Amino acid sequence: MAVLARVLLVLFLWGALAGVPGCASAPVQEMSDARQMLQAAERAGAPRHAPEPYARARRLLEEAERELEVGRYGKARRLAREAAAAAAEARARAEARGGP
């Protein structure tokens, strides 16, 4: 029983520490995804056909890059995901409006 209690305690502490911002890894994949989505939106004609969500995506990605530079990985990850979503919206709108 004591071994099980120790294992459960270790798992609990490991899970709790996984959420600590200082222990988070850099959001490399999220940043890459956001950049690729923004490029796809550009190719679809979003700057012309969907300027609002396109500008929002660019702004969010730039903010994510600033957060990444200062080591705020959790915030950078969240912003990169938001940027990718905004870029996807921009791309969809541009394609619906007859982009390139």
Protein backbone atom coordinates (compact mmCIF):
# COMPACT_ATOMS: atom_id res chain seq x y z
CA MET A 1 0.00 0.00 0.00
CA ALA A 2 2.84 2.41 0.81
CA VAL A 3 4.33 1.88 -2.65
CA LEU A 4 1.02 2.68 -4.32
CA ALA A 5 0.69 5.85 -2.23
CA ARG A 6 4.18 6.96 -3.27
CA VAL A 7 3.49 6.27 -6.93
CA LEU A 8 0.25 8.24 -6.76
CA LEU A 9 2.02 11.12 -5.00
CA VAL A 10 4.77 11.19 -7.63
CA LEU A 11 2.21 11.14 -10.44
CA PHE A 12 0.22 13.93 -8.78
CA LEU A 13 3.29 16.12 -8.29
CA TRP A 14 4.51 15.45 -11.82
CA GLY A 15 1.11 16.42 -13.20
CA ALA A 16 1.03 19.58 -11.10
CA LEU A 17 4.50 20.62 -12.21
CA ALA A 18 3.68 20.04 -15.86
CA GLY A 19 1.43 23.09 -15.71
CA VAL A 20 4.07 25.42 -14.27
CA PRO A 21 4.85 28.11 -16.88
CA GLY A 22 8.60 28.02 -16.27
CA CYS A 23 8.70 24.34 -17.13
CA ALA A 24 6.92 24.67 -20.46
CA SER A 25 8.81 24.07 -23.67
CA ALA A 26 8.95 26.53 -26.53
CA PRO A 27 5.87 26.35 -28.78
CA VAL A 28 7.84 25.48 -31.90
CA GLN A 29 5.07 23.53 -33.62
CA GLU A 30 2.38 26.10 -32.85
CA MET A 31 4.52 28.94 -34.20
CA SER A 32 5.27 26.97 -37.36
CA ASP A 33 1.60 26.11 -37.83
CA ALA A 34 0.60 29.77 -37.46
CA ARG A 35 3.22 30.91 -39.99
CA GLN A 36 2.12 28.27 -42.49
CA MET A 37 -1.56 29.17 -42.07
CA LEU A 38 -0.73 32.84 -42.59
CA GLN A 39 1.18 32.01 -45.79
CA ALA A 40 -1.75 29.93 -47.03
CA ALA A 41 -4.09 32.86 -46.31
CA GLU A 42 -1.78 35.16 -48.28
CA ARG A 43 -1.77 32.78 -51.25
CA ALA A 44 -5.57 32.65 -51.12
CA GLY A 45 -5.74 36.44 -51.42
CA ALA A 46 -6.68 37.22 -47.82
CA PRO A 47 -4.93 40.61 -47.70
CA ARG A 48 -7.35 41.79 -50.39
CA HIS A 49 -10.45 39.64 -49.86
CA ALA A 50 -10.40 39.22 -46.05
CA PRO A 51 -8.29 42.05 -44.64
CA GLU A 52 -9.72 42.10 -41.10
CA PRO A 53 -9.06 38.49 -40.06
CA TYR A 54 -5.81 38.54 -42.01
CA ALA A 55 -4.56 41.62 -40.13
CA ARG A 56 -5.66 40.07 -36.84
CA ALA A 57 -3.71 36.89 -37.65
CA ARG A 58 -0.57 38.89 -38.44
CA ARG A 59 -0.92 40.94 -35.28
CA LEU A 60 -1.40 37.84 -33.12
CA LEU A 61 1.59 36.09 -34.70
CA GLU A 62 3.79 39.14 -34.12
CA GLU A 63 2.68 39.25 -30.49
CA ALA A 64 3.37 35.52 -30.14
CA GLU A 65 6.88 36.07 -31.50
CA ARG A 66 7.50 38.81 -28.92
CA GLU A 67 6.29 36.55 -26.11
CA LEU A 68 8.48 33.72 -27.38
CA GLU A 69 11.55 35.99 -27.36
CA VAL A 70 11.09 36.79 -23.66
CA GLY A 71 10.39 33.19 -22.68
CA ARG A 72 6.66 33.41 -22.01
CA TYR A 73 5.98 30.15 -23.79
CA GLY A 74 2.48 29.56 -22.51
CA LYS A 75 1.27 32.92 -23.75
CA ALA A 76 3.18 32.54 -27.02
CA ARG A 77 1.53 29.14 -27.56
CA ARG A 78 -1.95 30.57 -26.95
CA LEU A 79 -1.35 33.52 -29.26
CA ALA A 80 0.10 31.31 -31.99
CA ARG A 81 -2.99 29.10 -31.88
CA GLU A 82 -5.22 32.17 -32.08
CA ALA A 83 -3.15 33.46 -35.01
CA ALA A 84 -3.54 30.14 -36.84
CA ALA A 85 -7.30 30.22 -36.29
CA ALA A 86 -7.57 33.80 -37.53
CA ALA A 87 -5.45 32.93 -40.57
CA ALA A 88 -7.68 29.94 -41.32
CA GLU A 89 -10.72 32.22 -41.12
CA ALA A 90 -9.03 34.73 -43.43
CA ARG A 91 -8.19 32.00 -45.91
CA ALA A 92 -11.73 30.60 -45.91
CA ARG A 93 -13.25 34.06 -46.41
CA ALA A 94 -10.80 34.87 -49.20
CA GLU A 95 -11.54 31.61 -50.99
CA ALA A 96 -15.28 32.17 -50.62
CA ARG A 97 -14.93 35.64 -52.13
CA GLY A 98 -12.99 34.42 -55.13
CA GLY A 99 -9.38 34.87 -54.10
CA PRO A 100 -6.56 33.99 -56.56
